Amino acid sequence: MSISEYQRNGSTFYQVYVHVMSTTDKKLRIQKRKRGFKTKKEAERGYVKLYNESLKLIGKKEEESSTWEYVIEMWYMDQSKRKIINRYTNKFTTTDYYQMLHKYTEEWLKRKPEKLTAGDGRRIVENAIELGLSKSYVKKIKNTVNLIFQWGIDNRYIKDVYVSPMRGVKLHQKEEKFPEILSLREIRTFLYEAKVRNHQWYPVWAFATLTGMRSGEIYALEWNDVDFEKDLIRVTKSWSSRTKSVKSTKAGYWRNVPISPELKTLLLEVQNSNYLIEGNFVFPRLNYWKRGQQSAVLREFLASISITSVKFHALRACFATQLLSNGVDMTKVMKIGGWRDIKTMQIYLRLAGVDEKGATDSLEILPDIGNISFLEKTN
């Protein structure tokens, strides 16, 4: 019992000090001090009352600190201290993951992590699928839960369990959808119509189709990244419409994109144009583009000329598919476009039909009956 006396205006008074520490989490503690007691007996009673209040408060804090929501909060604070809030991954920030878990694991927030089961994990996955989320996004939710749950175990915020309730939950394989892409005829028609109509997005669309660069990489491109002497574009950065800032490329490294004769002509046209462009950027700061709505503009234009509606990113797929169709080696295409996942390139190979092309040329099945048609022969 911590009781001490002190003097004030010539009179003796007593003060009490209480320090209560959690028995389950050493980081939780309550410290309280109260002054102004006139007698030691009064101070002793005051101490007991203050101690009991502190015990109740520490119990409440222990209850709060044992929830899934508390673990998420502690993880987020840890990322803040490490100053990686806006660079957790190339596409998602820590804040995005924080908001994702609050939204899609809402039913867990007030529950104790050690009470969650694999059945709870499956329900989260099933609910996400019912909401129509893509398989890749559901997988991201699952992986993020596993990551933060393990962080909670490692940092002693989660006790008595050693595995995430999401661990081992299987995602059912969905039927593969045909990718959004334009044929060569559609590409040529689309760019022709955009140019003759003097569409303000024509240079951007043409550039994307000729380079395979991502929208953010094109937006961040500056003239000092373009080397006309070596006929190379150096891709070193990308614009994020989510964080409104320039970041590294998605792959995390810089790369070179060769300047073809067509691309060189396009770049010189842009350089000599009357576009009102800020700073040293290659392309104008179009409002829809800055807001990350470049796909909406493209879809609207394609619909107006009765061509397959695709998102902006599909122009990158068009680039890869056309190169593969022309016999360019897959590894070279991956290097130019900054692809790291060979699975994506295998999809483009299938779209290009490179592996299958000519495979059936050796078949000789139909009967050779000269110039007489089958119907004439049977009659």
Protein backbone atom coordinates (compact mmCIF):
# COMPACT_ATOMS: atom_id res chain seq x y z
CA MET A 1 0.00 0.00 0.00
CA SER A 2 1.54 3.29 -1.13
CA ILE A 3 0.46 6.16 1.15
CA SER A 4 2.58 9.23 1.77
CA GLU A 5 2.07 12.52 3.51
CA TYR A 6 2.80 16.02 2.28
CA GLN A 7 2.51 19.56 3.55
CA ARG A 8 0.20 22.23 2.20
CA ASN A 9 -0.32 25.65 3.79
CA GLY A 10 1.18 24.38 7.04
CA SER A 11 -1.17 21.38 7.29
CA THR A 12 -0.46 17.67 6.80
CA PHE A 13 -2.31 15.79 4.07
CA TYR A 14 -2.06 12.28 2.60
CA GLN A 15 -1.86 10.98 -0.94
CA VAL A 16 -2.28 7.46 -2.31
CA TYR A 17 -0.70 5.85 -5.36
CA VAL A 18 -1.98 2.69 -7.10
CA HIS A 19 -0.13 0.70 -9.76
CA VAL A 20 -1.98 -2.34 -11.16
CA MET A 21 -0.45 -4.53 -13.88
CA SER A 22 -2.28 -7.10 -16.00
CA THR A 23 -1.45 -10.70 -15.28
CA THR A 24 -2.11 -11.70 -18.91
CA ASP A 25 -0.51 -8.80 -20.77
CA LYS A 26 2.48 -7.05 -19.20
CA LYS A 27 1.96 -4.09 -21.52
CA LEU A 28 -1.33 -3.28 -19.80
CA ARG A 29 -1.09 -1.32 -16.57
CA ILE A 30 -3.09 1.26 -14.60
CA GLN A 31 -1.42 4.01 -12.54
CA LYS A 32 -3.57 6.32 -10.42
CA ARG A 33 -2.80 8.93 -7.79
CA LYS A 34 -5.17 10.78 -5.48
CA ARG A 35 -4.38 13.59 -3.04
CA GLY A 36 -6.14 15.63 -0.36
CA PHE A 37 -6.87 13.03 2.35
CA LYS A 38 -6.88 14.67 5.80
CA THR A 39 -6.14 11.54 7.88
CA LYS A 40 -4.22 8.33 7.32
CA LYS A 41 -7.38 6.26 7.92
CA GLU A 42 -9.19 8.22 5.24
CA ALA A 43 -6.20 7.67 2.91
CA GLU A 44 -6.28 3.91 3.55
CA ARG A 45 -9.98 3.76 2.63
CA GLY A 46 -9.24 5.90 -0.41
CA TYR A 47 -6.47 3.53 -1.46
CA VAL A 48 -8.76 0.46 -1.28
CA LYS A 49 -11.42 2.23 -3.34
CA LEU A 50 -8.87 3.40 -5.93
CA TYR A 51 -7.29 -0.07 -6.09
CA ASN A 52 -10.66 -1.75 -6.73
CA GLU A 53 -11.48 0.80 -9.44
CA SER A 54 -8.12 0.07 -11.08
CA LEU A 55 -8.73 -3.69 -10.98
CA LYS A 56 -12.07 -3.24 -12.76
CA LEU A 57 -10.46 -0.97 -15.33
CA ILE A 58 -7.59 -3.37 -16.00
CA GLY A 59 -10.12 -6.19 -16.38
CA LYS A 60 -12.02 -4.16 -18.95
CA LYS A 61 -8.81 -3.36 -20.81
CA GLU A 62 -7.82 -7.04 -20.76
CA GLU A 63 -11.18 -7.90 -22.31
CA GLU A 64 -10.75 -5.26 -25.01
CA SER A 65 -7.16 -6.24 -25.69
CA SER A 66 -8.07 -9.87 -26.30
CA THR A 67 -10.29 -9.18 -29.34
CA TRP A 68 -9.47 -9.59 -33.04
CA GLU A 69 -10.13 -5.86 -33.48
CA TYR A 70 -7.43 -5.05 -30.91
CA VAL A 71 -4.92 -7.26 -32.72
CA ILE A 72 -5.64 -5.41 -35.98
CA GLU A 73 -5.22 -2.05 -34.21
CA MET A 74 -1.90 -3.09 -32.68
CA TRP A 75 -0.64 -4.36 -36.04
CA TYR A 76 -1.61 -1.09 -37.71
CA MET A 77 0.17 0.93 -34.99
CA ASP A 78 3.26 -1.24 -35.44
CA GLN A 79 3.28 -0.49 -39.18
CA SER A 80 2.88 3.22 -38.40
CA LYS A 81 5.96 3.17 -36.18
CA ARG A 82 7.91 1.45 -38.96
CA LYS A 83 6.73 4.18 -41.38
CA ILE A 84 5.44 1.73 -43.97
CA ILE A 85 1.77 2.82 -43.97
CA ASN A 86 1.89 3.85 -47.63
CA ARG A 87 4.30 1.28 -48.99
CA TYR A 88 3.24 -2.11 -47.63
CA THR A 89 2.96 -3.50 -51.15
CA ASN A 90 3.08 -1.97 -54.60
CA LYS A 91 -0.69 -1.97 -55.00
CA PHE A 92 -2.14 -2.04 -51.48
CA THR A 93 -1.17 0.19 -48.56
CA THR A 94 -1.30 -0.85 -44.93
CA THR A 95 -4.38 1.33 -44.56
CA ASP A 96 -6.06 -0.64 -47.35
CA TYR A 97 -5.41 -3.90 -45.51
CA TYR A 98 -6.61 -2.37 -42.23
CA GLN A 99 -9.90 -1.27 -43.84
CA MET A 100 -10.25 -4.57 -45.69
CA LEU A 101 -10.16 -6.61 -42.48
CA HIS A 102 -12.57 -4.29 -40.66
CA LYS A 103 -15.01 -4.72 -43.54
CA TYR A 104 -14.72 -8.42 -44.36
CA THR A 105 -14.00 -9.84 -40.88
CA GLU A 106 -16.50 -7.57 -39.12
CA GLU A 107 -18.19 -10.50 -37.37
CA TRP A 108 -14.85 -11.36 -35.70
CA LEU A 109 -13.97 -7.90 -34.38
CA LYS A 110 -15.36 -8.28 -30.84
CA ARG A 111 -14.41 -11.94 -30.54
CA LYS A 112 -11.31 -13.45 -28.98
CA PRO A 113 -8.87 -14.75 -31.63
CA GLU A 114 -8.20 -17.97 -29.73
CA LYS A 115 -11.92 -18.80 -29.91
CA LEU A 116 -12.05 -18.56 -33.72
CA THR A 117 -12.15 -21.85 -35.61
CA ALA A 118 -11.61 -23.08 -39.16
CA GLY A 119 -15.39 -22.94 -39.52
CA ASP A 120 -15.27 -19.20 -38.82
CA GLY A 121 -12.55 -18.90 -41.44
CA ARG A 122 -14.62 -20.74 -44.04
CA ARG A 123 -17.62 -18.46 -43.37
CA ILE A 124 -15.53 -15.36 -44.03
CA VAL A 125 -14.37 -16.85 -47.35
CA GLU A 126 -17.89 -17.96 -48.31
CA ASN A 127 -19.34 -14.54 -47.46
CA ALA A 128 -16.70 -12.83 -49.59
CA ILE A 129 -17.47 -15.13 -52.53
CA GLU A 130 -21.21 -14.46 -52.16
CA LEU A 131 -20.48 -10.73 -52.37
CA GLY A 132 -19.04 -11.40 -55.84
CA LEU A 133 -15.42 -10.63 -54.96
CA SER A 134 -12.82 -12.03 -57.34
CA LYS A 135 -10.88 -15.13 -56.40
CA SER A 136 -7.66 -13.11 -56.20
CA TYR A 137 -9.26 -10.61 -53.79
CA VAL A 138 -10.70 -13.38 -51.58
CA LYS A 139 -7.24 -14.93 -51.54
CA LYS A 140 -5.81 -11.55 -50.50
CA ILE A 141 -8.26 -11.40 -47.57
CA LYS A 142 -7.28 -14.94 -46.53
CA ASN A 143 -3.55 -14.23 -46.76
CA THR A 144 -3.87 -10.94 -44.86
CA VAL A 145 -5.76 -12.64 -42.02
CA ASN A 146 -3.03 -15.29 -41.85
CA LEU A 147 -0.29 -12.64 -41.84
CA ILE A 148 -1.81 -10.50 -39.07
CA PHE A 149 -2.89 -13.52 -37.01
CA GLN A 150 0.68 -14.80 -37.08
CA TRP A 151 1.93 -11.31 -36.17
CA GLY A 152 -0.44 -11.38 -33.17
CA ILE A 153 0.92 -14.76 -32.07
CA ASP A 154 4.55 -13.67 -32.49
CA ASN A 155 3.95 -10.50 -30.47
CA ARG A 156 1.95 -12.28 -27.72
CA TYR A 157 -1.34 -10.54 -28.45
CA ILE A 158 -2.83 -13.92 -29.30
CA LYS A 159 -2.20 -16.75 -26.85
CA ASP A 160 -2.95 -20.45 -26.54
CA VAL A 161 -3.27 -20.95 -30.31
CA TYR A 162 -0.55 -21.37 -32.90
CA VAL A 163 -2.35 -21.23 -36.21
CA SER A 164 -4.75 -18.86 -38.01
CA PRO A 165 -8.40 -19.98 -38.45
CA MET A 166 -7.90 -19.26 -42.16
CA ARG A 167 -5.02 -21.71 -42.44
CA GLY A 168 -6.01 -24.62 -44.64
CA VAL A 169 -9.27 -23.06 -45.87
CA LYS A 170 -9.52 -23.97 -49.56
CA LEU A 171 -10.76 -21.66 -52.29
CA HIS A 172 -12.89 -23.47 -54.84
CA GLN A 173 -11.63 -23.18 -58.40
CA LYS A 174 -13.99 -21.04 -60.45
CA GLU A 175 -14.63 -21.47 -64.14
CA GLU A 176 -12.00 -19.53 -66.04
CA LYS A 177 -13.30 -16.48 -67.86
CA PHE A 178 -11.99 -15.47 -71.27
CA PRO A 179 -9.71 -12.45 -70.76
CA GLU A 180 -10.65 -9.00 -72.03
CA ILE A 181 -8.62 -8.38 -75.16
CA LEU A 182 -8.85 -6.89 -78.65
CA SER A 183 -7.97 -8.64 -81.88
CA LEU A 184 -5.45 -7.06 -84.24
CA ARG A 185 -8.28 -5.88 -86.49
CA GLU A 186 -10.06 -4.31 -83.50
CA ILE A 187 -6.84 -2.63 -82.33
CA ARG A 188 -6.26 -1.05 -85.73
CA THR A 189 -9.90 0.06 -86.06
CA PHE A 190 -9.97 1.46 -82.53
CA LEU A 191 -6.76 3.51 -82.93
CA TYR A 192 -7.77 4.68 -86.43
CA GLU A 193 -11.11 5.97 -85.16
CA ALA A 194 -9.49 7.63 -82.15
CA LYS A 195 -6.97 9.42 -84.36
CA VAL A 196 -9.37 10.63 -87.08
CA ARG A 197 -11.70 11.94 -84.38
CA ASN A 198 -8.75 13.74 -82.76
CA HIS A 199 -9.61 12.14 -79.42
CA GLN A 200 -7.50 13.61 -76.60
CA TRP A 201 -6.74 10.10 -75.33
CA TYR A 202 -5.45 8.81 -78.68
CA PRO A 203 -1.70 9.36 -77.91
CA VAL A 204 -2.06 7.61 -74.54
CA TRP A 205 -3.96 4.64 -75.99
CA ALA A 206 -1.55 4.27 -78.90
CA PHE A 207 1.44 4.52 -76.56
CA ALA A 208 0.01 1.87 -74.19
CA THR A 209 -0.58 -0.53 -77.09
CA LEU A 210 2.94 -0.01 -78.48
CA THR A 211 4.78 -0.33 -75.15
CA GLY A 212 2.72 -2.58 -72.85
CA MET A 213 3.35 -0.10 -70.05
CA ARG A 214 0.88 0.14 -67.17
CA SER A 215 -1.37 3.17 -66.86
CA GLY A 216 0.46 4.50 -63.80
CA GLU A 217 3.84 4.06 -65.51
CA ILE A 218 2.68 6.04 -68.54
CA TYR A 219 1.20 8.78 -66.34
CA ALA A 220 4.51 9.18 -64.46
CA LEU A 221 6.67 9.08 -67.63
CA GLU A 222 8.91 12.11 -68.21
CA TRP A 223 10.88 13.14 -71.27
CA ASN A 224 14.19 12.45 -69.53
CA ASP A 225 13.07 8.79 -69.42
CA VAL A 226 12.96 8.74 -73.24
CA ASP A 227 16.29 8.15 -75.01
CA PHE A 228 15.87 8.81 -78.75
CA GLU A 229 19.55 8.10 -79.44
CA LYS A 230 19.38 4.55 -78.07
CA ASP A 231 15.70 4.15 -78.97
CA LEU A 232 14.83 3.13 -75.40
CA ILE A 233 12.33 4.17 -72.76
CA ARG A 234 13.47 3.68 -69.20
CA VAL A 235 10.55 2.73 -66.94
CA THR A 236 11.51 3.61 -63.36
CA LYS A 237 8.35 4.80 -61.61
CA SER A 238 4.57 4.70 -61.51
CA TRP A 239 1.72 6.97 -60.40
CA SER A 240 -0.75 5.69 -57.78
CA SER A 241 -4.21 7.24 -58.08
CA ARG A 242 -5.02 5.71 -54.67
CA THR A 243 -2.26 7.47 -52.72
CA LYS A 244 -1.89 10.37 -55.20
CA SER A 245 1.85 9.88 -55.30
CA VAL A 246 4.67 8.49 -57.44
CA LYS A 247 6.01 5.09 -56.41
CA SER A 248 8.21 2.35 -57.85
CA THR A 249 7.00 0.09 -60.64
CA LYS A 250 4.77 -2.85 -59.69
CA ALA A 251 7.63 -5.29 -60.22
CA GLY A 252 9.84 -3.15 -57.96
CA TYR A 253 12.64 -2.65 -60.49
CA TRP A 254 13.33 -0.46 -63.53
CA ARG A 255 13.31 -1.82 -67.08
CA ASN A 256 13.84 -0.77 -70.70
CA VAL A 257 11.17 -0.65 -73.40
CA PRO A 258 12.49 -0.46 -77.00
CA ILE A 259 11.19 2.37 -79.19
CA SER A 260 9.83 0.95 -82.44
CA PRO A 261 9.63 3.11 -85.60
CA GLU A 262 5.86 3.56 -85.05
CA LEU A 263 6.40 4.51 -81.42
CA LYS A 264 9.12 6.99 -82.35
CA THR A 265 6.77 8.71 -84.80
CA LEU A 266 4.08 8.88 -82.13
CA LEU A 267 6.46 10.33 -79.52
CA LEU A 268 7.71 13.00 -81.92
CA GLU A 269 4.09 13.94 -82.70
CA VAL A 270 3.38 14.28 -78.98
CA GLN A 271 6.58 16.28 -78.46
CA ASN A 272 5.67 18.73 -81.23
CA SER A 273 1.99 18.97 -80.30
CA ASN A 274 0.19 21.84 -78.64
CA TYR A 275 -0.85 19.82 -75.60
CA LEU A 276 -0.83 21.81 -72.37
CA ILE A 277 1.46 19.60 -70.30
CA GLU A 278 2.68 20.22 -66.75
CA GLY A 279 6.39 20.05 -66.03
CA ASN A 280 8.46 17.55 -67.97
CA PHE A 281 5.77 14.90 -68.34
CA VAL A 282 5.28 13.21 -71.71
CA PHE A 283 1.47 13.21 -71.56
CA PRO A 284 -1.10 15.74 -70.34
CA ARG A 285 -2.62 15.37 -66.84
CA LEU A 286 -6.08 14.29 -68.00
CA ASN A 287 -8.63 14.58 -65.17
CA TYR A 288 -10.15 11.11 -65.51
CA TRP A 289 -6.68 9.62 -65.66
CA LYS A 290 -5.53 11.42 -62.52
CA ARG A 291 -8.58 10.05 -60.69
CA GLY A 292 -7.87 6.50 -61.87
CA GLN A 293 -10.88 6.37 -64.21
CA GLN A 294 -8.98 5.70 -67.45
CA SER A 295 -10.90 2.44 -68.07
CA ALA A 296 -14.26 4.22 -68.01
CA VAL A 297 -13.13 6.56 -70.80
CA LEU A 298 -11.82 3.69 -72.93
CA ARG A 299 -14.96 1.57 -72.49
CA GLU A 300 -17.18 4.49 -73.45
CA PHE A 301 -15.20 5.17 -76.63
CA LEU A 302 -15.07 1.51 -77.69
CA ALA A 303 -18.83 1.20 -77.17
CA SER A 304 -19.37 4.27 -79.37
CA ILE A 305 -17.59 2.56 -82.28
CA SER A 306 -19.12 -0.89 -81.63
CA ILE A 307 -15.89 -2.61 -80.56
CA THR A 308 -15.43 -5.06 -77.67
CA SER A 309 -15.44 -3.19 -74.36
CA VAL A 310 -12.15 -3.65 -72.48
CA LYS A 311 -10.45 -1.91 -69.59
CA PHE A 312 -7.28 0.14 -70.02
CA HIS A 313 -5.09 -2.64 -68.66
CA ALA A 314 -6.22 -4.87 -71.55
CA LEU A 315 -4.07 -2.75 -73.90
CA ARG A 316 -1.09 -4.25 -72.09
CA ALA A 317 -2.42 -7.73 -72.87
CA CYS A 318 -2.88 -6.70 -76.51
CA PHE A 319 0.78 -5.65 -76.63
CA ALA A 320 2.01 -8.96 -75.24
CA THR A 321 -0.27 -11.10 -77.38
CA GLN A 322 0.70 -9.38 -80.62
CA LEU A 323 4.43 -9.73 -79.87
CA LEU A 324 4.01 -13.42 -79.05
CA SER A 325 1.98 -13.92 -82.23
CA ASN A 326 4.85 -12.36 -84.18
CA GLY A 327 7.30 -14.89 -82.75
CA VAL A 328 9.00 -12.76 -80.08
CA ASP A 329 10.42 -14.96 -77.32
CA MET A 330 8.29 -15.13 -74.17
CA THR A 331 11.17 -14.22 -71.84
CA LYS A 332 11.89 -11.11 -73.88
CA VAL A 333 8.23 -10.05 -73.74
CA MET A 334 8.24 -10.56 -69.96
CA LYS A 335 11.40 -8.49 -69.61
CA ILE A 336 10.05 -5.60 -71.70
CA GLY A 337 6.66 -5.55 -69.96
CA GLY A 338 7.91 -6.14 -66.43
CA TRP A 339 5.96 -9.37 -65.92
CA ARG A 340 7.20 -11.59 -63.11
CA ASP A 341 4.40 -14.16 -63.06
CA ILE A 342 4.85 -16.74 -65.79
CA LYS A 343 1.19 -17.81 -65.31
CA THR A 344 0.07 -14.48 -66.77
CA MET A 345 2.36 -14.95 -69.75
CA GLN A 346 1.01 -18.45 -70.30
CA ILE A 347 -2.48 -16.95 -70.62
CA TYR A 348 -1.17 -14.57 -73.29
CA LEU A 349 0.51 -17.49 -75.05
CA ARG A 350 -2.84 -19.27 -75.18
CA LEU A 351 -4.51 -16.13 -76.50
CA ALA A 352 -1.85 -15.80 -79.19
CA GLY A 353 -2.15 -19.50 -80.08
CA VAL A 354 1.64 -19.70 -80.46
CA ASP A 355 2.03 -23.20 -79.03
CA GLU A 356 -0.85 -24.60 -81.09
CA LYS A 357 -0.12 -22.82 -84.36
CA GLY A 358 0.59 -25.30 -87.18
CA ALA A 359 0.23 -28.32 -84.91
CA THR A 360 -2.57 -29.80 -87.05
CA ASP A 361 -1.00 -29.05 -90.46
CA SER A 362 0.27 -32.63 -90.75
CA LEU A 363 -3.22 -34.13 -90.59
CA GLU A 364 -4.32 -35.80 -93.84
CA ILE A 365 -7.79 -37.18 -93.17
CA LEU A 366 -10.21 -36.01 -95.85
CA PRO A 367 -10.52 -38.22 -98.99
CA ASP A 368 -8.88 -37.00 -102.19
CA ILE A 369 -11.52 -37.26 -104.92
CA GLY A 370 -10.22 -34.66 -107.31
CA ASN A 371 -12.54 -31.92 -108.39
CA ILE A 372 -15.72 -33.94 -107.75
CA SER A 373 -17.63 -32.71 -104.74
CA PHE A 374 -18.82 -35.15 -102.08
CA LEU A 375 -22.48 -34.62 -103.04
CA GLU A 376 -21.78 -35.28 -106.74
CA LYS A 377 -19.93 -38.49 -105.87
CA THR A 378 -22.76 -39.85 -103.72
CA ASN A 379 -25.39 -38.99 -106.36
